[in-house]
Amino acid sequence: MAQSVKLADDIMTLVRREADLHSRSVAGQITHWLKIGRAIEHSGSFDYTRITAALEGNLDTTQLGEDEDVAWLDAFTEKMGRAPEAEESFFARRQALGRGVGLDAGGNLVYAKEDTAA
């Protein structure tokens, strides 16, 4: 059963920032942090702040330990697999204007096709 929890505004600001950084919903970010916090408390094998710093580009990934590198790669792969909202909006506007929406394998401009399924 879902539960409501009150969190301070400064905590929610952090949650929203990290959710955006990692392409997660607010609820997904909170759940993710809960799981990571529990795992870290029981593990002690890596420092998640270092992983976040590497994701933000503030720490060279060669400086991560083996366990940190694995966690970083998982987070990086997940993040790169999703287009950010700004990118989705950009291409939706281009499609609405009838402009190209990307390149094919040969480097040729691709135009979005209207959905003709009815």
C-alpha atoms as a PDB file:
ATOM      1  CA  MET A   1       0.000   0.000   0.000  1.00  0.00           C
ATOM      2  CA  ALA A   2       1.293   3.469  -0.906  1.00  0.00           C
ATOM      3  CA  GLN A   3       2.163   5.814   1.961  1.00  0.00           C
ATOM      4  CA  SER A   4       2.468   9.598   2.046  1.00  0.00           C
ATOM      5  CA  VAL A   5       5.565  11.095   3.653  1.00  0.00           C
ATOM      6  CA  LYS A   6       6.288  14.774   4.296  1.00  0.00           C
ATOM      7  CA  LEU A   7       9.785  15.866   3.293  1.00  0.00           C
ATOM      8  CA  ALA A   8      11.385  19.269   3.795  1.00  0.00           C
ATOM      9  CA  ASP A   9      11.600  21.591   0.799  1.00  0.00           C
ATOM     10  CA  ASP A  10      15.408  21.423   0.738  1.00  0.00           C
ATOM     11  CA  ILE A  11      15.260  17.608   0.582  1.00  0.00           C
ATOM     12  CA  MET A  12      12.717  17.742  -2.255  1.00  0.00           C
ATOM     13  CA  THR A  13      14.974  20.159  -4.154  1.00  0.00           C
ATOM     14  CA  LEU A  14      17.783  17.597  -3.916  1.00  0.00           C
ATOM     15  CA  VAL A  15      15.437  14.770  -4.922  1.00  0.00           C
ATOM     16  CA  ARG A  16      14.205  16.653  -7.994  1.00  0.00           C
ATOM     17  CA  ARG A  17      17.765  17.567  -9.049  1.00  0.00           C
ATOM     18  CA  GLU A  18      19.003  13.991  -8.733  1.00  0.00           C
ATOM     19  CA  ALA A  19      15.862  12.585 -10.373  1.00  0.00           C
ATOM     20  CA  ASP A  20      16.512  14.813 -13.386  1.00  0.00           C
ATOM     21  CA  LEU A  21      20.212  13.945 -13.438  1.00  0.00           C
ATOM     22  CA  HIS A  22      19.442  10.223 -13.449  1.00  0.00           C
ATOM     23  CA  SER A  23      16.281  10.361 -15.614  1.00  0.00           C
ATOM     24  CA  ARG A  24      14.005   9.094 -12.856  1.00  0.00           C
ATOM     25  CA  SER A  25      10.667  10.164 -11.463  1.00  0.00           C
ATOM     26  CA  VAL A  26      10.661  11.772  -8.008  1.00  0.00           C
ATOM     27  CA  ALA A  27       9.190   8.585  -6.510  1.00  0.00           C
ATOM     28  CA  GLY A  28      11.721   6.512  -8.445  1.00  0.00           C
ATOM     29  CA  GLN A  29      14.593   8.640  -7.129  1.00  0.00           C
ATOM     30  CA  ILE A  30      13.441   8.359  -3.529  1.00  0.00           C
ATOM     31  CA  THR A  31      13.047   4.590  -3.891  1.00  0.00           C
ATOM     32  CA  HIS A  32      16.472   4.366  -5.525  1.00  0.00           C
ATOM     33  CA  TRP A  33      18.086   6.329  -2.673  1.00  0.00           C
ATOM     34  CA  LEU A  34      16.393   4.124  -0.106  1.00  0.00           C
ATOM     35  CA  LYS A  35      17.756   0.997  -1.772  1.00  0.00           C
ATOM     36  CA  ILE A  36      21.241   2.490  -2.169  1.00  0.00           C
ATOM     37  CA  GLY A  37      21.307   3.739   1.408  1.00  0.00           C
ATOM     38  CA  ARG A  38      20.374   0.336   2.717  1.00  0.00           C
ATOM     39  CA  ALA A  39      22.930  -1.394   0.488  1.00  0.00           C
ATOM     40  CA  ILE A  40      25.688   1.029   1.504  1.00  0.00           C
ATOM     41  CA  GLU A  41      24.913   0.623   5.182  1.00  0.00           C
ATOM     42  CA  HIS A  42      25.311  -3.124   4.762  1.00  0.00           C
ATOM     43  CA  SER A  43      28.229  -3.052   2.318  1.00  0.00           C
ATOM     44  CA  GLY A  44      30.771  -0.305   2.870  1.00  0.00           C
ATOM     45  CA  SER A  45      32.511  -1.269  -0.384  1.00  0.00           C
ATOM     46  CA  PHE A  46      32.025   2.058  -2.204  1.00  0.00           C
ATOM     47  CA  ASP A  47      31.261   5.749  -1.773  1.00  0.00           C
ATOM     48  CA  TYR A  48      28.147   6.737  -3.742  1.00  0.00           C
ATOM     49  CA  THR A  49      29.079  10.434  -3.652  1.00  0.00           C
ATOM     50  CA  ARG A  50      32.080   9.537  -5.811  1.00  0.00           C
ATOM     51  CA  ILE A  51      29.792   7.760  -8.293  1.00  0.00           C
ATOM     52  CA  THR A  52      27.513  10.811  -8.468  1.00  0.00           C
ATOM     53  CA  ALA A  53      30.553  13.065  -8.944  1.00  0.00           C
ATOM     54  CA  ALA A  54      31.670  10.863 -11.858  1.00  0.00           C
ATOM     55  CA  LEU A  55      28.169  11.009 -13.402  1.00  0.00           C
ATOM     56  CA  GLU A  56      28.265  14.807 -13.137  1.00  0.00           C
ATOM     57  CA  GLY A  57      31.715  14.892 -14.768  1.00  0.00           C
ATOM     58  CA  ASN A  58      33.408  16.146 -11.606  1.00  0.00           C
ATOM     59  CA  LEU A  59      35.487  13.002 -11.032  1.00  0.00           C
ATOM     60  CA  ASP A  60      37.440  11.010 -13.599  1.00  0.00           C
ATOM     61  CA  THR A  61      36.054   7.479 -13.762  1.00  0.00           C
ATOM     62  CA  THR A  62      39.593   6.083 -13.644  1.00  0.00           C
ATOM     63  CA  GLN A  63      39.627   7.208  -9.998  1.00  0.00           C
ATOM     64  CA  LEU A  64      36.724   4.922  -9.080  1.00  0.00           C
ATOM     65  CA  GLY A  65      37.274   1.634  -7.307  1.00  0.00           C
ATOM     66  CA  GLU A  66      36.100  -1.614  -8.888  1.00  0.00           C
ATOM     67  CA  ASP A  67      32.718  -1.688  -7.107  1.00  0.00           C
ATOM     68  CA  GLU A  68      32.229   2.048  -7.697  1.00  0.00           C
ATOM     69  CA  ASP A  69      33.017   1.600 -11.397  1.00  0.00           C
ATOM     70  CA  VAL A  70      30.373  -1.109 -11.745  1.00  0.00           C
ATOM     71  CA  ALA A  71      27.741   1.061 -10.019  1.00  0.00           C
ATOM     72  CA  TRP A  72      28.767   4.084 -12.144  1.00  0.00           C
ATOM     73  CA  LEU A  73      28.515   2.094 -15.385  1.00  0.00           C
ATOM     74  CA  ASP A  74      25.035   0.832 -14.466  1.00  0.00           C
ATOM     75  CA  ALA A  75      23.840   4.364 -13.690  1.00  0.00           C
ATOM     76  CA  PHE A  76      25.522   5.832 -16.787  1.00  0.00           C
ATOM     77  CA  THR A  77      24.032   3.181 -19.083  1.00  0.00           C
ATOM     78  CA  GLU A  78      20.566   3.766 -17.626  1.00  0.00           C
ATOM     79  CA  LYS A  79      20.884   7.538 -18.031  1.00  0.00           C
ATOM     80  CA  MET A  80      22.179   7.371 -21.606  1.00  0.00           C
ATOM     81  CA  GLY A  81      19.362   5.010 -22.576  1.00  0.00           C
ATOM     82  CA  ARG A  82      16.730   7.702 -22.031  1.00  0.00           C
ATOM     83  CA  ALA A  83      16.269  10.966 -23.872  1.00  0.00           C
ATOM     84  CA  PRO A  84      15.838  13.926 -21.513  1.00  0.00           C
ATOM     85  CA  GLU A  85      12.549  15.839 -21.606  1.00  0.00           C
ATOM     86  CA  ALA A  86      14.220  18.816 -23.312  1.00  0.00           C
ATOM     87  CA  GLU A  87      15.383  16.574 -26.168  1.00  0.00           C
ATOM     88  CA  GLU A  88      11.931  15.026 -26.562  1.00  0.00           C
ATOM     89  CA  SER A  89      10.381  18.533 -26.701  1.00  0.00           C
ATOM     90  CA  PHE A  90      12.974  19.724 -29.221  1.00  0.00           C
ATOM     91  CA  PHE A  91      12.231  16.895 -31.656  1.00  0.00           C
ATOM     92  CA  ALA A  92       8.455  17.178 -31.124  1.00  0.00           C
ATOM     93  CA  ARG A  93       8.669  20.866 -32.143  1.00  0.00           C
ATOM     94  CA  ARG A  94      10.775  19.979 -35.184  1.00  0.00           C
ATOM     95  CA  GLN A  95       8.270  17.294 -36.186  1.00  0.00           C
ATOM     96  CA  ALA A  96       5.347  19.724 -35.819  1.00  0.00           C
ATOM     97  CA  LEU A  97       7.171  22.173 -38.104  1.00  0.00           C
ATOM     98  CA  GLY A  98       7.889  19.461 -40.692  1.00  0.00           C
ATOM     99  CA  ARG A  99      11.637  19.675 -40.158  1.00  0.00           C
ATOM    100  CA  GLY A 100      14.148  16.867 -39.950  1.00  0.00           C
ATOM    101  CA  VAL A 101      14.175  14.889 -36.729  1.00  0.00           C
ATOM    102  CA  GLY A 102      17.480  13.023 -36.981  1.00  0.00           C
ATOM    103  CA  LEU A 103      19.992  11.288 -39.199  1.00  0.00           C
ATOM    104  CA  ASP A 104      19.914   7.793 -40.643  1.00  0.00           C
ATOM    105  CA  ALA A 105      22.925   5.439 -40.661  1.00  0.00           C
ATOM    106  CA  GLY A 106      24.183   7.098 -43.843  1.00  0.00           C
ATOM    107  CA  GLY A 107      24.083  10.578 -42.339  1.00  0.00           C
ATOM    108  CA  ASN A 108      20.988  11.649 -44.314  1.00  0.00           C
ATOM    109  CA  LEU A 109      18.336  13.864 -42.722  1.00  0.00           C
ATOM    110  CA  VAL A 110      15.252  11.919 -41.618  1.00  0.00           C
ATOM    111  CA  TYR A 111      11.799  13.493 -41.485  1.00  0.00           C
ATOM    112  CA  ALA A 112       9.134  12.230 -39.109  1.00  0.00           C
ATOM    113  CA  LYS A 113       6.261  10.469 -40.796  1.00  0.00           C
ATOM    114  CA  GLU A 114       2.706  11.159 -39.777  1.00  0.00           C
ATOM    115  CA  ASP A 115       1.073   8.306 -37.909  1.00  0.00           C
ATOM    116  CA  THR A 116      -1.433   7.024 -40.468  1.00  0.00           C
ATOM    117  CA  ALA A 117      -2.725   4.137 -38.345  1.00  0.00           C
ATOM    118  CA  ALA A 118      -6.358   4.682 -37.515  1.00  0.00           C
END
